[in-house]
Amino acid sequence: MKWTDSLDIAIALAEHHPEIDPKAIRFTDLHAWILALPGFADDPNRSGEKILEAIQMAWIDEVE
Protein backbone atom coordinates (compact mmCIF):
# COMPACT_ATOMS: atom_id res chain seq x y z
CA MET A 1 0.00 0.00 0.00
CA LYS A 2 1.00 3.57 -0.60
CA TRP A 3 -0.24 6.86 0.86
CA THR A 4 -2.67 7.26 -2.04
CA ASP A 5 -4.45 3.99 -1.17
CA SER A 6 -6.64 5.69 1.43
CA LEU A 7 -9.50 3.18 1.30
CA ASP A 8 -7.20 0.15 1.59
CA ILE A 9 -5.37 1.81 4.47
CA ALA A 10 -8.67 2.66 6.19
CA ILE A 11 -9.85 -0.95 5.92
CA ALA A 12 -6.56 -2.22 7.33
CA LEU A 13 -6.69 0.29 10.19
CA ALA A 14 -10.25 -0.74 11.05
CA GLU A 15 -9.13 -4.39 11.16
CA HIS A 16 -5.98 -3.74 13.20
CA HIS A 17 -7.44 -1.15 15.59
CA PRO A 18 -11.13 -2.05 16.10
CA GLU A 19 -11.14 -0.44 19.55
CA ILE A 20 -10.14 3.00 18.20
CA ASP A 21 -12.65 5.72 17.38
CA PRO A 22 -11.22 7.26 14.19
CA LYS A 23 -12.93 10.56 15.00
CA ALA A 24 -10.75 10.97 18.09
CA ILE A 25 -7.27 10.19 16.82
CA ARG A 26 -4.20 12.38 16.57
CA PHE A 27 -2.46 12.54 13.22
CA THR A 28 0.84 11.58 14.86
CA ASP A 29 -0.73 8.31 16.05
CA LEU A 30 -2.44 7.76 12.71
CA HIS A 31 0.85 8.24 10.88
CA ALA A 32 2.63 5.71 13.11
CA TRP A 33 -0.17 3.14 12.79
CA ILE A 34 -0.14 3.42 9.00
CA LEU A 35 3.62 2.90 8.86
CA ALA A 36 3.21 -0.22 11.03
CA LEU A 37 0.56 -1.81 8.79
CA PRO A 38 1.60 -5.02 7.05
CA GLY A 39 1.91 -4.35 3.35
CA PHE A 40 2.47 -0.61 3.70
CA ALA A 41 5.51 0.36 1.66
CA ASP A 42 5.87 4.06 0.97
CA ASP A 43 8.15 6.87 2.05
CA PRO A 44 7.12 8.00 5.57
CA ASN A 45 7.89 11.60 4.61
CA ARG A 46 5.45 11.67 1.67
CA SER A 47 2.38 12.02 3.87
CA GLY A 48 0.85 15.30 4.91
CA GLU A 49 -2.19 16.66 6.66
CA LYS A 50 -4.40 16.30 3.57
CA ILE A 51 -3.44 12.66 3.05
CA LEU A 52 -3.91 11.78 6.71
CA GLU A 53 -7.25 13.58 6.75
CA ALA A 54 -8.42 11.63 3.69
CA ILE A 55 -7.40 8.36 5.35
CA GLN A 56 -9.16 9.37 8.58
CA MET A 57 -12.36 10.19 6.68
CA ALA A 58 -12.23 6.86 4.83
CA TRP A 59 -11.72 5.08 8.17
CA ILE A 60 -14.72 6.87 9.67
CA ASP A 61 -16.82 5.85 6.66
CA GLU A 62 -15.57 2.27 7.00
CA VAL A 63 -16.64 1.88 10.63
CA GLU A 64 -20.02 3.60 10.26
PDB file of N, CA and C in Angstrom:
ATOM      1  N   MET A   1       0.831  -1.181   0.000  1.00  0.00           N
ATOM      2  CA  MET A   1       0.000   0.000   0.000  1.00  0.00           C
ATOM      3  C   MET A   1       0.878   1.248   0.000  1.00  0.00           C
ATOM      4  N   LYS A   2       0.336   2.261  -0.577  1.00  0.00           N
ATOM      5  CA  LYS A   2       1.004   3.567  -0.604  1.00  0.00           C
ATOM      6  C   LYS A   2       0.052   4.604  -0.008  1.00  0.00           C
ATOM      7  N   TRP A   3       0.564   5.802   0.242  1.00  0.00           N
ATOM      8  CA  TRP A   3      -0.239   6.859   0.859  1.00  0.00           C
ATOM      9  C   TRP A   3      -1.513   7.148   0.078  1.00  0.00           C
ATOM     10  N   THR A   4      -1.501   6.949  -1.222  1.00  0.00           N
ATOM     11  CA  THR A   4      -2.670   7.261  -2.042  1.00  0.00           C
ATOM     12  C   THR A   4      -3.761   6.194  -1.944  1.00  0.00           C
ATOM     13  N   ASP A   5      -3.477   5.077  -1.314  1.00  0.00           N
ATOM     14  CA  ASP A   5      -4.449   3.987  -1.167  1.00  0.00           C
ATOM     15  C   ASP A   5      -5.290   4.184   0.092  1.00  0.00           C
ATOM     16  N   SER A   6      -5.960   5.328   0.184  1.00  0.00           N
ATOM     17  CA  SER A   6      -6.636   5.687   1.429  1.00  0.00           C
ATOM     18  C   SER A   6      -7.706   4.678   1.852  1.00  0.00           C
ATOM     19  N   LEU A   7      -8.468   4.143   0.925  1.00  0.00           N
ATOM     20  CA  LEU A   7      -9.503   3.179   1.300  1.00  0.00           C
ATOM     21  C   LEU A   7      -8.880   1.882   1.813  1.00  0.00           C
ATOM     22  N   ASP A   8      -7.873   1.378   1.135  1.00  0.00           N
ATOM     23  CA  ASP A   8      -7.201   0.149   1.587  1.00  0.00           C
ATOM     24  C   ASP A   8      -6.568   0.351   2.964  1.00  0.00           C
ATOM     25  N   ILE A   9      -5.977   1.504   3.169  1.00  0.00           N
ATOM     26  CA  ILE A   9      -5.372   1.813   4.473  1.00  0.00           C
ATOM     27  C   ILE A   9      -6.460   1.886   5.535  1.00  0.00           C
ATOM     28  N   ALA A  10      -7.577   2.539   5.225  1.00  0.00           N
ATOM     29  CA  ALA A  10      -8.674   2.665   6.188  1.00  0.00           C
ATOM     30  C   ALA A  10      -9.218   1.302   6.588  1.00  0.00           C
ATOM     31  N   ILE A  11      -9.370   0.413   5.633  1.00  0.00           N
ATOM     32  CA  ILE A  11      -9.855  -0.946   5.921  1.00  0.00           C
ATOM     33  C   ILE A  11      -8.865  -1.668   6.825  1.00  0.00           C
ATOM     34  N   ALA A  12      -7.589  -1.569   6.514  1.00  0.00           N
ATOM     35  CA  ALA A  12      -6.564  -2.220   7.327  1.00  0.00           C
ATOM     36  C   ALA A  12      -6.529  -1.644   8.747  1.00  0.00           C
ATOM     37  N   LEU A  13      -6.668  -0.337   8.865  1.00  0.00           N
ATOM     38  CA  LEU A  13      -6.690   0.290  10.195  1.00  0.00           C
ATOM     39  C   LEU A  13      -7.899  -0.180  11.000  1.00  0.00           C
ATOM     40  N   ALA A  14      -9.049  -0.275  10.367  1.00  0.00           N
ATOM     41  CA  ALA A  14     -10.254  -0.742  11.055  1.00  0.00           C
ATOM     42  C   ALA A  14     -10.076  -2.176  11.548  1.00  0.00           C
ATOM     43  N   GLU A  15      -9.376  -2.994  10.763  1.00  0.00           N
ATOM     44  CA  GLU A  15      -9.128  -4.386  11.159  1.00  0.00           C
ATOM     45  C   GLU A  15      -8.098  -4.484  12.281  1.00  0.00           C
ATOM     46  N   HIS A  16      -7.062  -3.661  12.221  1.00  0.00           N
ATOM     47  CA  HIS A  16      -5.976  -3.739  13.196  1.00  0.00           C
ATOM     48  C   HIS A  16      -6.239  -2.952  14.470  1.00  0.00           C
ATOM     49  N   HIS A  17      -7.146  -1.994  14.426  1.00  0.00           N
ATOM     50  CA  HIS A  17      -7.439  -1.150  15.591  1.00  0.00           C
ATOM     51  C   HIS A  17      -8.952  -1.004  15.778  1.00  0.00           C
ATOM     52  N   PRO A  18      -9.659  -2.127  15.994  1.00  0.00           N
ATOM     53  CA  PRO A  18     -11.126  -2.049  16.100  1.00  0.00           C
ATOM     54  C   PRO A  18     -11.612  -1.266  17.325  1.00  0.00           C
ATOM     55  N   GLU A  19     -10.752  -1.134  18.319  1.00  0.00           N
ATOM     56  CA  GLU A  19     -11.139  -0.440  19.549  1.00  0.00           C
ATOM     57  C   GLU A  19     -11.003   1.082  19.444  1.00  0.00           C
ATOM     58  N   ILE A  20     -10.420   1.574  18.363  1.00  0.00           N
ATOM     59  CA  ILE A  20     -10.145   3.000  18.202  1.00  0.00           C
ATOM     60  C   ILE A  20     -11.297   3.710  17.507  1.00  0.00           C
ATOM     61  N   ASP A  21     -11.662   4.854  18.040  1.00  0.00           N
ATOM     62  CA  ASP A  21     -12.646   5.724  17.376  1.00  0.00           C
ATOM     63  C   ASP A  21     -11.861   6.638  16.434  1.00  0.00           C
ATOM     64  N   PRO A  22     -12.013   6.463  15.124  1.00  0.00           N
ATOM     65  CA  PRO A  22     -11.216   7.257  14.186  1.00  0.00           C
ATOM     66  C   PRO A  22     -11.524   8.757  14.227  1.00  0.00           C
ATOM     67  N   LYS A  23     -12.618   9.135  14.877  1.00  0.00           N
ATOM     68  CA  LYS A  23     -12.935  10.561  15.001  1.00  0.00           C
ATOM     69  C   LYS A  23     -12.078  11.229  16.071  1.00  0.00           C
ATOM     70  N   ALA A  24     -11.468  10.420  16.937  1.00  0.00           N
ATOM     71  CA  ALA A  24     -10.755  10.966  18.091  1.00  0.00           C
ATOM     72  C   ALA A  24      -9.267  10.627  18.070  1.00  0.00           C
ATOM     73  N   ILE A  25      -8.681  10.547  16.891  1.00  0.00           N
ATOM     74  CA  ILE A  25      -7.266  10.194  16.818  1.00  0.00           C
ATOM     75  C   ILE A  25      -6.416  11.415  16.494  1.00  0.00           C
ATOM     76  N   ARG A  26      -5.176  11.340  16.924  1.00  0.00           N
ATOM     77  CA  ARG A  26      -4.201  12.380  16.572  1.00  0.00           C
ATOM     78  C   ARG A  26      -3.488  11.924  15.308  1.00  0.00           C
ATOM     79  N   PHE A  27      -3.143  12.884  14.466  1.00  0.00           N
ATOM     80  CA  PHE A  27      -2.461  12.544  13.219  1.00  0.00           C
ATOM     81  C   PHE A  27      -1.100  11.903  13.467  1.00  0.00           C
ATOM     82  N   THR A  28      -0.449  12.220  14.574  1.00  0.00           N
ATOM     83  CA  THR A  28       0.839  11.584  14.863  1.00  0.00           C
ATOM     84  C   THR A  28       0.645  10.090  15.110  1.00  0.00           C
ATOM     85  N   ASP A  29      -0.424   9.727  15.829  1.00  0.00           N
ATOM     86  CA  ASP A  29      -0.725   8.309  16.048  1.00  0.00           C
ATOM     87  C   ASP A  29      -1.133   7.641  14.745  1.00  0.00           C
ATOM     88  N   LEU A  30      -1.985   8.309  13.986  1.00  0.00           N
ATOM     89  CA  LEU A  30      -2.439   7.757  12.709  1.00  0.00           C
ATOM     90  C   LEU A  30      -1.252   7.470  11.794  1.00  0.00           C
ATOM     91  N   HIS A  31      -0.341   8.399  11.711  1.00  0.00           N
ATOM     92  CA  HIS A  31       0.851   8.240  10.876  1.00  0.00           C
ATOM     93  C   HIS A  31       1.643   7.005  11.307  1.00  0.00           C
ATOM     94  N   ALA A  32       1.863   6.854  12.594  1.00  0.00           N
ATOM     95  CA  ALA A  32       2.628   5.709  13.112  1.00  0.00           C
ATOM     96  C   ALA A  32       1.905   4.393  12.842  1.00  0.00           C
ATOM     97  N   TRP A  33       0.589   4.369  13.023  1.00  0.00           N
ATOM     98  CA  TRP A  33      -0.171   3.142  12.790  1.00  0.00           C
ATOM     99  C   TRP A  33      -0.137   2.744  11.315  1.00  0.00           C
ATOM    100  N   ILE A  34      -0.201   3.714  10.435  1.00  0.00           N
ATOM    101  CA  ILE A  34      -0.139   3.417   9.002  1.00  0.00           C
ATOM    102  C   ILE A  34       1.215   2.819   8.648  1.00  0.00           C
ATOM    103  N   LEU A  35       2.283   3.419   9.155  1.00  0.00           N
ATOM    104  CA  LEU A  35       3.621   2.902   8.862  1.00  0.00           C
ATOM    105  C   LEU A  35       3.794   1.475   9.364  1.00  0.00           C
ATOM    106  N   ALA A  36       3.084   1.112  10.436  1.00  0.00           N
ATOM    107  CA  ALA A  36       3.209  -0.223  11.029  1.00  0.00           C
ATOM    108  C   ALA A  36       2.328  -1.272  10.347  1.00  0.00           C
ATOM    109  N   LEU A  37       1.455  -0.850   9.442  1.00  0.00           N
ATOM    110  CA  LEU A  37       0.565  -1.809   8.787  1.00  0.00           C
ATOM    111  C   LEU A  37       1.347  -2.781   7.911  1.00  0.00           C
ATOM    112  N   PRO A  38       0.988  -4.068   7.971  1.00  0.00           N
ATOM    113  CA  PRO A  38       1.605  -5.020   7.048  1.00  0.00           C
ATOM    114  C   PRO A  38       1.233  -4.653   5.613  1.00  0.00           C
ATOM    115  N   GLY A  39       2.178  -4.658   4.741  1.00  0.00           N
ATOM    116  CA  GLY A  39       1.911  -4.345   3.347  1.00  0.00           C
ATOM    117  C   GLY A  39       2.054  -2.878   3.004  1.00  0.00           C
ATOM    118  N   PHE A  40       2.263  -2.019   4.007  1.00  0.00           N
ATOM    119  CA  PHE A  40       2.471  -0.607   3.699  1.00  0.00           C
ATOM    120  C   PHE A  40       3.927  -0.406   3.316  1.00  0.00           C
ATOM    121  N   ALA A  41       4.140   0.175   2.149  1.00  0.00           N
ATOM    122  CA  ALA A  41       5.510   0.362   1.660  1.00  0.00           C
ATOM    123  C   ALA A  41       5.598   1.669   0.881  1.00  0.00           C
ATOM    124  N   ASP A  42       5.715   2.762   1.614  1.00  0.00           N
ATOM    125  CA  ASP A  42       5.871   4.059   0.973  1.00  0.00           C
ATOM    126  C   ASP A  42       6.765   4.910   1.872  1.00  0.00           C
ATOM    127  N   ASP A  43       7.258   5.972   1.323  1.00  0.00           N
ATOM    128  CA  ASP A  43       8.146   6.871   2.053  1.00  0.00           C
ATOM    129  C   ASP A  43       7.373   7.543   3.188  1.00  0.00           C
ATOM    130  N   PRO A  44       7.815   7.386   4.435  1.00  0.00           N
ATOM    131  CA  PRO A  44       7.116   8.003   5.565  1.00  0.00           C
ATOM    132  C   PRO A  44       6.991   9.518   5.451  1.00  0.00           C
ATOM    133  N   ASN A  45       7.895  10.144   4.732  1.00  0.00           N
ATOM    134  CA  ASN A  45       7.888  11.596   4.612  1.00  0.00           C
ATOM    135  C   ASN A  45       6.970  12.119   3.510  1.00  0.00           C
ATOM    136  N   ARG A  46       6.316  11.237   2.777  1.00  0.00           N
ATOM    137  CA  ARG A  46       5.450  11.671   1.674  1.00  0.00           C
ATOM    138  C   ARG A  46       4.026  11.972   2.126  1.00  0.00           C
ATOM    139  N   SER A  47       3.732  11.729   3.390  1.00  0.00           N
ATOM    140  CA  SER A  47       2.384  12.023   3.873  1.00  0.00           C
ATOM    141  C   SER A  47       2.305  13.468   4.333  1.00  0.00           C
ATOM    142  N   GLY A  48       1.093  13.943   4.427  1.00  0.00           N
ATOM    143  CA  GLY A  48       0.851  15.296   4.908  1.00  0.00           C
ATOM    144  C   GLY A  48      -0.529  15.353   5.522  1.00  0.00           C
ATOM    145  N   GLU A  49      -0.900  16.516   5.981  1.00  0.00           N
ATOM    146  CA  GLU A  49      -2.186  16.655   6.659  1.00  0.00           C
ATOM    147  C   GLU A  49      -3.353  16.262   5.757  1.00  0.00           C
ATOM    148  N   LYS A  50      -3.303  16.634   4.488  1.00  0.00           N
ATOM    149  CA  LYS A  50      -4.405  16.304   3.573  1.00  0.00           C
ATOM    150  C   LYS A  50      -4.529  14.792   3.374  1.00  0.00           C
ATOM    151  N   ILE A  51      -3.414  14.120   3.234  1.00  0.00           N
ATOM    152  CA  ILE A  51      -3.437  12.664   3.045  1.00  0.00           C
ATOM    153  C   ILE A  51      -3.961  11.978   4.302  1.00  0.00           C
ATOM    154  N   LEU A  52      -3.455  12.387   5.462  1.00  0.00           N
ATOM    155  CA  LEU A  52      -3.909  11.785   6.712  1.00  0.00           C
ATOM    156  C   LEU A  52      -5.390  12.067   6.950  1.00  0.00           C
ATOM    157  N   GLU A  53      -5.834  13.247   6.598  1.00  0.00           N
ATOM    158  CA  GLU A  53      -7.249  13.579   6.746  1.00  0.00           C
ATOM    159  C   GLU A  53      -8.112  12.718   5.834  1.00  0.00           C
ATOM    160  N   ALA A  54      -7.671  12.481   4.621  1.00  0.00           N
ATOM    161  CA  ALA A  54      -8.420  11.625   3.688  1.00  0.00           C
ATOM    162  C   ALA A  54      -8.501  10.197   4.218  1.00  0.00           C
ATOM    163  N   ILE A  55      -7.410   9.706   4.785  1.00  0.00           N
ATOM    164  CA  ILE A  55      -7.400   8.359   5.354  1.00  0.00           C
ATOM    165  C   ILE A  55      -8.335   8.303   6.562  1.00  0.00           C
ATOM    166  N   GLN A  56      -8.276   9.322   7.414  1.00  0.00           N
ATOM    167  CA  GLN A  56      -9.156   9.371   8.579  1.00  0.00           C
ATOM    168  C   GLN A  56     -10.630   9.362   8.152  1.00  0.00           C
ATOM    169  N   MET A  57     -10.969  10.141   7.153  1.00  0.00           N
ATOM    170  CA  MET A  57     -12.357  10.188   6.679  1.00  0.00           C
ATOM    171  C   MET A  57     -12.796   8.841   6.105  1.00  0.00           C
ATOM    172  N   ALA A  58     -11.916   8.185   5.375  1.00  0.00           N
ATOM    173  CA  ALA A  58     -12.226   6.861   4.835  1.00  0.00           C
ATOM    174  C   ALA A  58     -12.411   5.846   5.963  1.00  0.00           C
ATOM    175  N   TRP A  59     -11.604   5.970   7.017  1.00  0.00           N
ATOM    176  CA  TRP A  59     -11.717   5.081   8.165  1.00  0.00           C
ATOM    177  C   TRP A  59     -13.056   5.324   8.879  1.00  0.00           C
ATOM    178  N   ILE A  60     -13.422   6.562   9.052  1.00  0.00           N
ATOM    179  CA  ILE A  60     -14.724   6.875   9.673  1.00  0.00           C
ATOM    180  C   ILE A  60     -15.862   6.269   8.853  1.00  0.00           C
ATOM    181  N   ASP A  61     -15.804   6.432   7.532  1.00  0.00           N
ATOM    182  CA  ASP A  61     -16.820   5.855   6.657  1.00  0.00           C
ATOM    183  C   ASP A  61     -16.846   4.328   6.783  1.00  0.00           C
ATOM    184  N   GLU A  62     -15.689   3.734   6.921  1.00  0.00           N
ATOM    185  CA  GLU A  62     -15.573   2.274   6.999  1.00  0.00           C
ATOM    186  C   GLU A  62     -16.243   1.722   8.260  1.00  0.00           C
ATOM    187  N   VAL A  63     -16.090   2.398   9.384  1.00  0.00           N
ATOM    188  CA  VAL A  63     -16.639   1.880  10.633  1.00  0.00           C
ATOM    189  C   VAL A  63     -18.101   2.263  10.848  1.00  0.00           C
ATOM    190  N   GLU A  64     -18.607   3.194  10.082  1.00  0.00           N
ATOM    191  CA  GLU A  64     -20.019   3.596  10.259  1.00  0.00           C
ATOM    192  C   GLU A  64     -20.966   2.823   9.404  1.00  0.00           C
TER     193      GLU A  64
END
